[in-house]
Amino acid sequence: NYKVALYGDGKIATLIDVIDGGSPLWGNYEVADGKFK
């Protein structure tokens, strides 16, 4: 669910999540029984 976004007057590029505008690079980890961040 990503698309290319250009910044820095076209000299910077990244991938952003098309749904929330964040990054498509993410993961989670368990902090308690069945609870994740």
PDB file of all heavy atoms in Angstrom:
ATOM      1  N   ASN A   1       0.828  -1.220   0.000  1.00  0.00           N
ATOM      2  CA  ASN A   1       0.000   0.000   0.000  1.00  0.00           C
ATOM      3  C   ASN A   1       0.858   1.263   0.000  1.00  0.00           C
ATOM      4  O   ASN A   1       0.679   2.153   0.833  1.00  0.00           O
ATOM      5  CB  ASN A   1      -0.953   0.020   1.206  1.00  0.00           C
ATOM      6  CG  ASN A   1      -1.898  -1.153   1.223  1.00  0.00           C
ATOM      7  OD1 ASN A   1      -2.405  -1.556   0.180  1.00  0.00           O
ATOM      8  ND2 ASN A   1      -2.125  -1.724   2.392  1.00  0.00           N
ATOM      9  N   TYR A   2       1.789   1.353  -0.942  1.00  0.00           N
ATOM     10  CA  TYR A   2       2.712   2.481  -0.957  1.00  0.00           C
ATOM     11  C   TYR A   2       2.703   3.194  -2.305  1.00  0.00           C
ATOM     12  O   TYR A   2       2.257   2.653  -3.320  1.00  0.00           O
ATOM     13  CB  TYR A   2       4.133   2.018  -0.631  1.00  0.00           C
ATOM     14  CG  TYR A   2       4.667   0.981  -1.586  1.00  0.00           C
ATOM     15  CD1 TYR A   2       5.261   1.353  -2.796  1.00  0.00           C
ATOM     16  CD2 TYR A   2       4.578  -0.372  -1.286  1.00  0.00           C
ATOM     17  CE1 TYR A   2       5.737   0.408  -3.682  1.00  0.00           C
ATOM     18  CE2 TYR A   2       5.060  -1.337  -2.173  1.00  0.00           C
ATOM     19  CZ  TYR A   2       5.635  -0.938  -3.362  1.00  0.00           C
ATOM     20  OH  TYR A   2       6.108  -1.874  -4.247  1.00  0.00           O
ATOM     21  N   LYS A   3       3.226   4.416  -2.276  1.00  0.00           N
ATOM     22  CA  LYS A   3       3.453   5.172  -3.504  1.00  0.00           C
ATOM     23  C   LYS A   3       4.719   5.991  -3.330  1.00  0.00           C
ATOM     24  O   LYS A   3       5.189   6.211  -2.205  1.00  0.00           O
ATOM     25  CB  LYS A   3       2.271   6.091  -3.815  1.00  0.00           C
ATOM     26  CG  LYS A   3       2.051   7.201  -2.804  1.00  0.00           C
ATOM     27  CD  LYS A   3       0.868   8.081  -3.206  1.00  0.00           C
ATOM     28  CE  LYS A   3       0.669   9.217  -2.184  1.00  0.00           C
ATOM     29  NZ  LYS A   3      -0.475  10.083  -2.562  1.00  0.00           N
ATOM     30  N   VAL A   4       5.274   6.454  -4.439  1.00  0.00           N
ATOM     31  CA  VAL A   4       6.483   7.281  -4.406  1.00  0.00           C
ATOM     32  C   VAL A   4       6.102   8.727  -4.101  1.00  0.00           C
ATOM     33  O   VAL A   4       5.112   9.246  -4.624  1.00  0.00           O
ATOM     34  CB  VAL A   4       7.231   7.222  -5.749  1.00  0.00           C
ATOM     35  CG1 VAL A   4       8.417   8.190  -5.770  1.00  0.00           C
ATOM     36  CG2 VAL A   4       7.701   5.799  -6.026  1.00  0.00           C
ATOM     37  N   ALA A   5       6.871   9.379  -3.246  1.00  0.00           N
ATOM     38  CA  ALA A   5       6.692  10.808  -2.972  1.00  0.00           C
ATOM     39  C   ALA A   5       8.033  11.507  -3.158  1.00  0.00           C
ATOM     40  O   ALA A   5       9.062  11.025  -2.673  1.00  0.00           O
ATOM     41  CB  ALA A   5       6.159  11.037  -1.564  1.00  0.00           C
ATOM     42  N   LEU A   6       8.026  12.616  -3.872  1.00  0.00           N
ATOM     43  CA  LEU A   6       9.236  13.405  -4.092  1.00  0.00           C
ATOM     44  C   LEU A   6       9.210  14.661  -3.235  1.00  0.00           C
ATOM     45  O   LEU A   6       8.167  15.315  -3.119  1.00  0.00           O
ATOM     46  CB  LEU A   6       9.372  13.794  -5.563  1.00  0.00           C
ATOM     47  CG  LEU A   6       9.624  12.668  -6.568  1.00  0.00           C
ATOM     48  CD1 LEU A   6       9.751  13.238  -7.973  1.00  0.00           C
ATOM     49  CD2 LEU A   6      10.873  11.876  -6.206  1.00  0.00           C
ATOM     50  N   TYR A   7      10.360  14.995  -2.673  1.00  0.00           N
ATOM     51  CA  TYR A   7      10.511  16.207  -1.863  1.00  0.00           C
ATOM     52  C   TYR A   7      11.822  16.887  -2.252  1.00  0.00           C
ATOM     53  O   TYR A   7      12.487  16.470  -3.200  1.00  0.00           O
ATOM     54  CB  TYR A   7      10.515  15.849  -0.375  1.00  0.00           C
ATOM     55  CG  TYR A   7       9.210  15.280   0.132  1.00  0.00           C
ATOM     56  CD1 TYR A   7       9.066  13.909   0.345  1.00  0.00           C
ATOM     57  CD2 TYR A   7       8.123  16.101   0.391  1.00  0.00           C
ATOM     58  CE1 TYR A   7       7.870  13.377   0.815  1.00  0.00           C
ATOM     59  CE2 TYR A   7       6.922  15.582   0.858  1.00  0.00           C
ATOM     60  CZ  TYR A   7       6.806  14.224   1.063  1.00  0.00           C
ATOM     61  OH  TYR A   7       5.623  13.698   1.513  1.00  0.00           O
ATOM     62  N   GLY A   8      12.175  17.928  -1.523  1.00  0.00           N
ATOM     63  CA  GLY A   8      13.440  18.602  -1.791  1.00  0.00           C
ATOM     64  C   GLY A   8      13.552  19.089  -3.212  1.00  0.00           C
ATOM     65  O   GLY A   8      14.605  18.955  -3.840  1.00  0.00           O
ATOM     66  N   ASP A   9      12.441  19.657  -3.727  1.00  0.00           N
ATOM     67  CA  ASP A   9      12.401  20.135  -5.111  1.00  0.00           C
ATOM     68  C   ASP A   9      12.795  19.038  -6.100  1.00  0.00           C
ATOM     69  O   ASP A   9      13.500  19.274  -7.086  1.00  0.00           O
ATOM     70  CB  ASP A   9      13.296  21.362  -5.283  1.00  0.00           C
ATOM     71  CG  ASP A   9      12.850  22.524  -4.409  1.00  0.00           C
ATOM     72  OD1 ASP A   9      11.632  22.782  -4.331  1.00  0.00           O
ATOM     73  OD2 ASP A   9      13.715  23.169  -3.780  1.00  0.00           O
ATOM     74  N   GLY A  10      12.331  17.827  -5.811  1.00  0.00           N
ATOM     75  CA  GLY A  10      12.542  16.706  -6.715  1.00  0.00           C
ATOM     76  C   GLY A  10      13.826  15.931  -6.493  1.00  0.00           C
ATOM     77  O   GLY A  10      14.106  14.982  -7.221  1.00  0.00           O
ATOM     78  N   LYS A  11      14.596  16.290  -5.464  1.00  0.00           N
ATOM     79  CA  LYS A  11      15.886  15.635  -5.254  1.00  0.00           C
ATOM     80  C   LYS A  11      15.868  14.593  -4.133  1.00  0.00           C
ATOM     81  O   LYS A  11      16.865  13.907  -3.899  1.00  0.00           O
ATOM     82  CB  LYS A  11      16.959  16.685  -4.973  1.00  0.00           C
ATOM     83  CG  LYS A  11      17.208  17.605  -6.169  1.00  0.00           C
ATOM     84  CD  LYS A  11      18.268  18.645  -5.861  1.00  0.00           C
ATOM     85  CE  LYS A  11      18.524  19.535  -7.082  1.00  0.00           C
ATOM     86  NZ  LYS A  11      19.563  20.558  -6.805  1.00  0.00           N
ATOM     87  N   ILE A  12      14.743  14.488  -3.439  1.00  0.00           N
ATOM     88  CA  ILE A  12      14.572  13.504  -2.369  1.00  0.00           C
ATOM     89  C   ILE A  12      13.381  12.624  -2.724  1.00  0.00           C
ATOM     90  O   ILE A  12      12.360  13.111  -3.200  1.00  0.00           O
ATOM     91  CB  ILE A  12      14.313  14.185  -1.015  1.00  0.00           C
ATOM     92  CG1 ILE A  12      15.493  15.074  -0.604  1.00  0.00           C
ATOM     93  CG2 ILE A  12      14.051  13.146   0.074  1.00  0.00           C
ATOM     94  CD1 ILE A  12      15.229  15.855   0.668  1.00  0.00           C
ATOM     95  N   ALA A  13      13.509  11.326  -2.462  1.00  0.00           N
ATOM     96  CA  ALA A  13      12.402  10.404  -2.734  1.00  0.00           C
ATOM     97  C   ALA A  13      12.195   9.469  -1.550  1.00  0.00           C
ATOM     98  O   ALA A  13      13.141   9.123  -0.829  1.00  0.00           O
ATOM     99  CB  ALA A  13      12.690   9.585  -3.994  1.00  0.00           C
ATOM    100  N   THR A  14      10.952   9.067  -1.382  1.00  0.00           N
ATOM    101  CA  THR A  14      10.613   8.105  -0.339  1.00  0.00           C
ATOM    102  C   THR A  14       9.373   7.348  -0.760  1.00  0.00           C
ATOM    103  O   THR A  14       8.735   7.681  -1.756  1.00  0.00           O
ATOM    104  CB  THR A  14      10.386   8.814   1.013  1.00  0.00           C
ATOM    105  OG1 THR A  14      10.242   7.832   2.038  1.00  0.00           O
ATOM    106  CG2 THR A  14       9.135   9.677   0.979  1.00  0.00           C
ATOM    107  N   LEU A  15       9.034   6.322  -0.004  1.00  0.00           N
ATOM    108  CA  LEU A  15       7.772   5.621  -0.171  1.00  0.00           C
ATOM    109  C   LEU A  15       6.874   5.988   0.999  1.00  0.00           C
ATOM    110  O   LEU A  15       7.326   5.992   2.152  1.00  0.00           O
ATOM    111  CB  LEU A  15       7.976   4.100  -0.201  1.00  0.00           C
ATOM    112  CG  LEU A  15       8.788   3.521  -1.357  1.00  0.00           C
ATOM    113  CD1 LEU A  15       8.883   1.998  -1.224  1.00  0.00           C
ATOM    114  CD2 LEU A  15       8.185   3.899  -2.709  1.00  0.00           C
ATOM    115  N   ILE A  16       5.619   6.298   0.716  1.00  0.00           N
ATOM    116  CA  ILE A  16       4.679   6.605   1.783  1.00  0.00           C
ATOM    117  C   ILE A  16       3.450   5.719   1.664  1.00  0.00           C
ATOM    118  O   ILE A  16       3.061   5.307   0.572  1.00  0.00           O
ATOM    119  CB  ILE A  16       4.265   8.095   1.793  1.00  0.00           C
ATOM    120  CG1 ILE A  16       3.584   8.490   0.482  1.00  0.00           C
ATOM    121  CG2 ILE A  16       5.453   8.992   2.074  1.00  0.00           C
ATOM    122  CD1 ILE A  16       2.994   9.883   0.530  1.00  0.00           C
ATOM    123  N   ASP A  17       2.860   5.436   2.799  1.00  0.00           N
ATOM    124  CA  ASP A  17       1.643   4.635   2.855  1.00  0.00           C
ATOM    125  C   ASP A  17       0.490   5.434   2.264  1.00  0.00           C
ATOM    126  O   ASP A  17       0.249   6.575   2.658  1.00  0.00           O
ATOM    127  CB  ASP A  17       1.354   4.275   4.323  1.00  0.00           C
ATOM    128  CG  ASP A  17       0.251   3.256   4.474  1.00  0.00           C
ATOM    129  OD1 ASP A  17      -0.902   3.587   4.103  1.00  0.00           O
ATOM    130  OD2 ASP A  17       0.517   2.151   4.961  1.00  0.00           O
ATOM    131  N   VAL A  18      -0.224   4.854   1.327  1.00  0.00           N
ATOM    132  CA  VAL A  18      -1.298   5.586   0.635  1.00  0.00           C
ATOM    133  C   VAL A  18      -2.494   5.824   1.553  1.00  0.00           C
ATOM    134  O   VAL A  18      -3.330   6.699   1.271  1.00  0.00           O
ATOM    135  CB  VAL A  18      -1.760   4.838  -0.635  1.00  0.00           C
ATOM    136  CG1 VAL A  18      -0.642   4.738  -1.643  1.00  0.00           C
ATOM    137  CG2 VAL A  18      -2.301   3.446  -0.293  1.00  0.00           C
ATOM    138  N   ILE A  19      -2.593   5.075   2.649  1.00  0.00           N
ATOM    139  CA  ILE A  19      -3.749   5.213   3.530  1.00  0.00           C
ATOM    140  C   ILE A  19      -3.525   6.273   4.606  1.00  0.00           C
ATOM    141  O   ILE A  19      -4.341   7.177   4.789  1.00  0.00           O
ATOM    142  CB  ILE A  19      -4.105   3.868   4.189  1.00  0.00           C
ATOM    143  CG1 ILE A  19      -4.508   2.853   3.103  1.00  0.00           C
ATOM    144  CG2 ILE A  19      -5.246   4.031   5.202  1.00  0.00           C
ATOM    145  CD1 ILE A  19      -4.709   1.448   3.605  1.00  0.00           C
ATOM    146  N   ASP A  20      -2.397   6.182   5.315  1.00  0.00           N
ATOM    147  CA  ASP A  20      -2.208   7.096   6.447  1.00  0.00           C
ATOM    148  C   ASP A  20      -1.071   8.094   6.255  1.00  0.00           C
ATOM    149  O   ASP A  20      -0.772   8.881   7.164  1.00  0.00           O
ATOM    150  CB  ASP A  20      -2.001   6.313   7.750  1.00  0.00           C
ATOM    151  CG  ASP A  20      -0.725   5.468   7.746  1.00  0.00           C
ATOM    152  OD1 ASP A  20       0.125   5.643   6.842  1.00  0.00           O
ATOM    153  OD2 ASP A  20      -0.566   4.635   8.648  1.00  0.00           O
ATOM    154  N   GLY A  21      -0.423   8.098   5.082  1.00  0.00           N
ATOM    155  CA  GLY A  21       0.639   9.067   4.825  1.00  0.00           C
ATOM    156  C   GLY A  21       1.922   8.803   5.567  1.00  0.00           C
ATOM    157  O   GLY A  21       2.859   9.602   5.526  1.00  0.00           O
ATOM    158  N   GLY A  22       1.995   7.680   6.288  1.00  0.00           N
ATOM    159  CA  GLY A  22       3.205   7.323   7.012  1.00  0.00           C
ATOM    160  C   GLY A  22       4.141   6.503   6.145  1.00  0.00           C
ATOM    161  O   GLY A  22       4.166   6.637   4.925  1.00  0.00           O
ATOM    162  N   SER A  23       4.908   5.637   6.790  1.00  0.00           N
ATOM    163  CA  SER A  23       5.858   4.802   6.059  1.00  0.00           C
ATOM    164  C   SER A  23       5.325   3.375   5.947  1.00  0.00           C
ATOM    165  O   SER A  23       4.739   2.848   6.900  1.00  0.00           O
ATOM    166  CB  SER A  23       7.207   4.779   6.780  1.00  0.00           C
ATOM    167  OG  SER A  23       8.073   3.841   6.170  1.00  0.00           O
ATOM    168  N   PRO A  24       5.563   2.712   4.804  1.00  0.00           N
ATOM    169  CA  PRO A  24       5.173   1.308   4.675  1.00  0.00           C
ATOM    170  C   PRO A  24       6.178   0.362   5.326  1.00  0.00           C
ATOM    171  O   PRO A  24       6.011  -0.857   5.274  1.00  0.00           O
ATOM    172  CB  PRO A  24       5.125   1.108   3.156  1.00  0.00           C
ATOM    173  CG  PRO A  24       6.154   2.046   2.633  1.00  0.00           C
ATOM    174  CD  PRO A  24       6.110   3.247   3.538  1.00  0.00           C
ATOM    175  N   LEU A  25       7.244   0.939   5.922  1.00  0.00           N
ATOM    176  CA  LEU A  25       8.259   0.139   6.602  1.00  0.00           C
ATOM    177  C   LEU A  25       7.948   0.136   8.093  1.00  0.00           C
ATOM    178  O   LEU A  25       8.215   1.109   8.795  1.00  0.00           O
ATOM    179  CB  LEU A  25       9.652   0.734   6.331  1.00  0.00           C
ATOM    180  CG  LEU A  25      10.855  -0.044   6.868  1.00  0.00           C
ATOM    181  CD1 LEU A  25      11.000  -1.388   6.166  1.00  0.00           C
ATOM    182  CD2 LEU A  25      12.137   0.775   6.715  1.00  0.00           C
ATOM    183  N   TRP A  26       7.366  -0.974   8.568  1.00  0.00           N
ATOM    184  CA  TRP A  26       6.971  -1.007   9.970  1.00  0.00           C
ATOM    185  C   TRP A  26       6.909  -2.441  10.488  1.00  0.00           C
ATOM    186  O   TRP A  26       6.881  -3.397   9.729  1.00  0.00           O
ATOM    187  CB  TRP A  26       5.630  -0.315  10.176  1.00  0.00           C
ATOM    188  CG  TRP A  26       4.442  -1.056   9.604  1.00  0.00           C
ATOM    189  CD1 TRP A  26       4.087  -1.151   8.289  1.00  0.00           C
ATOM    190  CD2 TRP A  26       3.487  -1.828  10.335  1.00  0.00           C
ATOM    191  NE1 TRP A  26       2.961  -1.917   8.147  1.00  0.00           N
ATOM    192  CE2 TRP A  26       2.557  -2.348   9.381  1.00  0.00           C
ATOM    193  CE3 TRP A  26       3.303  -2.114  11.686  1.00  0.00           C
ATOM    194  CZ2 TRP A  26       1.482  -3.145   9.765  1.00  0.00           C
ATOM    195  CZ3 TRP A  26       2.223  -2.907  12.060  1.00  0.00           C
ATOM    196  CH2 TRP A  26       1.329  -3.412  11.117  1.00  0.00           C
ATOM    197  N   GLY A  27       6.918  -2.547  11.798  1.00  0.00           N
ATOM    198  CA  GLY A  27       6.803  -3.851  12.439  1.00  0.00           C
ATOM    199  C   GLY A  27       6.249  -3.665  13.835  1.00  0.00           C
ATOM    200  O   GLY A  27       6.106  -2.540  14.326  1.00  0.00           O
ATOM    201  N   ASN A  28       5.923  -4.773  14.497  1.00  0.00           N
ATOM    202  CA  ASN A  28       5.445  -4.655  15.875  1.00  0.00           C
ATOM    203  C   ASN A  28       6.205  -5.596  16.791  1.00  0.00           C
ATOM    204  O   ASN A  28       6.926  -6.491  16.349  1.00  0.00           O
ATOM    205  CB  ASN A  28       3.932  -4.848  15.971  1.00  0.00           C
ATOM    206  CG  ASN A  28       3.468  -6.220  15.509  1.00  0.00           C
ATOM    207  OD1 ASN A  28       4.243  -7.168  15.471  1.00  0.00           O
ATOM    208  ND2 ASN A  28       2.199  -6.334  15.149  1.00  0.00           N
ATOM    209  N   TYR A  29       6.070  -5.369  18.080  1.00  0.00           N
ATOM    210  CA  TYR A  29       6.744  -6.182  19.084  1.00  0.00           C
ATOM    211  C   TYR A  29       5.847  -6.279  20.308  1.00  0.00           C
ATOM    212  O   TYR A  29       5.059  -5.378  20.614  1.00  0.00           O
ATOM    213  CB  TYR A  29       8.110  -5.583  19.453  1.00  0.00           C
ATOM    214  CG  TYR A  29       8.063  -4.154  19.935  1.00  0.00           C
ATOM    215  CD1 TYR A  29       8.056  -3.849  21.298  1.00  0.00           C
ATOM    216  CD2 TYR A  29       8.019  -3.090  19.030  1.00  0.00           C
ATOM    217  CE1 TYR A  29       8.012  -2.534  21.745  1.00  0.00           C
ATOM    218  CE2 TYR A  29       7.968  -1.776  19.465  1.00  0.00           C
ATOM    219  CZ  TYR A  29       7.963  -1.511  20.820  1.00  0.00           C
ATOM    220  OH  TYR A  29       7.905  -0.196  21.264  1.00  0.00           O
ATOM    221  N   GLU A  30       5.959  -7.370  20.993  1.00  0.00           N
ATOM    222  CA  GLU A  30       5.082  -7.639  22.132  1.00  0.00           C
ATOM    223  C   GLU A  30       5.608  -6.938  23.379  1.00  0.00           C
ATOM    224  O   GLU A  30       6.797  -7.009  23.700  1.00  0.00           O
ATOM    225  CB  GLU A  30       4.978  -9.147  22.373  1.00  0.00           C
ATOM    226  CG  GLU A  30       3.855  -9.542  23.313  1.00  0.00           C
ATOM    227  CD  GLU A  30       3.579 -11.035  23.308  1.00  0.00           C
ATOM    228  OE1 GLU A  30       4.414 -11.789  22.760  1.00  0.00           O
ATOM    229  OE2 GLU A  30       2.536 -11.450  23.841  1.00  0.00           O
ATOM    230  N   VAL A  31       4.722  -6.242  24.075  1.00  0.00           N
ATOM    231  CA  VAL A  31       5.111  -5.545  25.309  1.00  0.00           C
ATOM    232  C   VAL A  31       4.487  -6.199  26.541  1.00  0.00           C
ATOM    233  O   VAL A  31       4.924  -5.977  27.664  1.00  0.00           O
ATOM    234  CB  VAL A  31       4.696  -4.054  25.252  1.00  0.00           C
ATOM    235  CG1 VAL A  31       5.520  -3.318  24.213  1.00  0.00           C
ATOM    236  CG2 VAL A  31       3.211  -3.894  24.961  1.00  0.00           C
ATOM    237  N   ALA A  32       3.457  -6.992  26.331  1.00  0.00           N
ATOM    238  CA  ALA A  32       2.805  -7.743  27.401  1.00  0.00           C
ATOM    239  C   ALA A  32       2.045  -8.883  26.741  1.00  0.00           C
ATOM    240  O   ALA A  32       1.988  -8.966  25.510  1.00  0.00           O
ATOM    241  CB  ALA A  32       1.867  -6.850  28.210  1.00  0.00           C
ATOM    242  N   ASP A  33       1.473  -9.740  27.530  1.00  0.00           N
ATOM    243  CA  ASP A  33       0.744 -10.885  26.984  1.00  0.00           C
ATOM    244  C   ASP A  33      -0.326 -10.453  25.990  1.00  0.00           C
ATOM    245  O   ASP A  33      -1.338  -9.875  26.367  1.00  0.00           O
ATOM    246  CB  ASP A  33       0.077 -11.650  28.138  1.00  0.00           C
ATOM    247  CG  ASP A  33       0.604 -13.067  28.221  1.00  0.00           C
ATOM    248  OD1 ASP A  33       1.429 -13.423  27.370  1.00  0.00           O
ATOM    249  OD2 ASP A  33       0.183 -13.818  29.121  1.00  0.00           O
ATOM    250  N   GLY A  34      -0.069 -10.706  24.708  1.00  0.00           N
ATOM    251  CA  GLY A  34      -1.054 -10.380  23.679  1.00  0.00           C
ATOM    252  C   GLY A  34      -1.177  -8.906  23.355  1.00  0.00           C
ATOM    253  O   GLY A  34      -2.060  -8.502  22.592  1.00  0.00           O
ATOM    254  N   LYS A  35      -0.303  -8.059  23.908  1.00  0.00           N
ATOM    255  CA  LYS A  35      -0.331  -6.621  23.630  1.00  0.00           C
ATOM    256  C   LYS A  35       0.921  -6.223  22.860  1.00  0.00           C
ATOM    257  O   LYS A  35       2.034  -6.596  23.238  1.00  0.00           O
ATOM    258  CB  LYS A  35      -0.436  -5.814  24.927  1.00  0.00           C
ATOM    259  CG  LYS A  35      -1.757  -6.023  25.660  1.00  0.00           C
ATOM    260  CD  LYS A  35      -1.858  -5.138  26.878  1.00  0.00           C
ATOM    261  CE  LYS A  35      -3.200  -5.326  27.576  1.00  0.00           C
ATOM    262  NZ  LYS A  35      -3.326  -4.464  28.786  1.00  0.00           N
ATOM    263  N   PHE A  36       0.711  -5.457  21.779  1.00  0.00           N
ATOM    264  CA  PHE A  36       1.818  -5.117  20.898  1.00  0.00           C
ATOM    265  C   PHE A  36       1.920  -3.609  20.685  1.00  0.00           C
ATOM    266  O   PHE A  36       0.936  -2.882  20.795  1.00  0.00           O
ATOM    267  CB  PHE A  36       1.630  -5.795  19.537  1.00  0.00           C
ATOM    268  CG  PHE A  36       1.711  -7.292  19.599  1.00  0.00           C
ATOM    269  CD1 PHE A  36       0.605  -8.047  19.957  1.00  0.00           C
ATOM    270  CD2 PHE A  36       2.899  -7.945  19.308  1.00  0.00           C
ATOM    271  CE1 PHE A  36       0.675  -9.434  20.009  1.00  0.00           C
ATOM    272  CE2 PHE A  36       2.989  -9.324  19.359  1.00  0.00           C
ATOM    273  CZ  PHE A  36       1.873 -10.066  19.716  1.00  0.00           C
ATOM    274  N   LYS A  37       3.121  -3.158  20.370  1.00  0.00           N
ATOM    275  CA  LYS A  37       3.369  -1.782  19.940  1.00  0.00           C
ATOM    276  C   LYS A  37       3.999  -1.805  18.558  1.00  0.00           C
ATOM    277  O   LYS A  37       4.656  -2.786  18.183  1.00  0.00           O
ATOM    278  CB  LYS A  37       4.285  -1.046  20.927  1.00  0.00           C
ATOM    279  CG  LYS A  37       3.610  -0.619  22.206  1.00  0.00           C
ATOM    280  CD  LYS A  37       4.523   0.273  23.034  1.00  0.00           C
ATOM    281  CE  LYS A  37       3.797   0.798  24.271  1.00  0.00           C
ATOM    282  NZ  LYS A  37       4.668   1.691  25.085  1.00  0.00           N
TER     283      LYS A  37
END
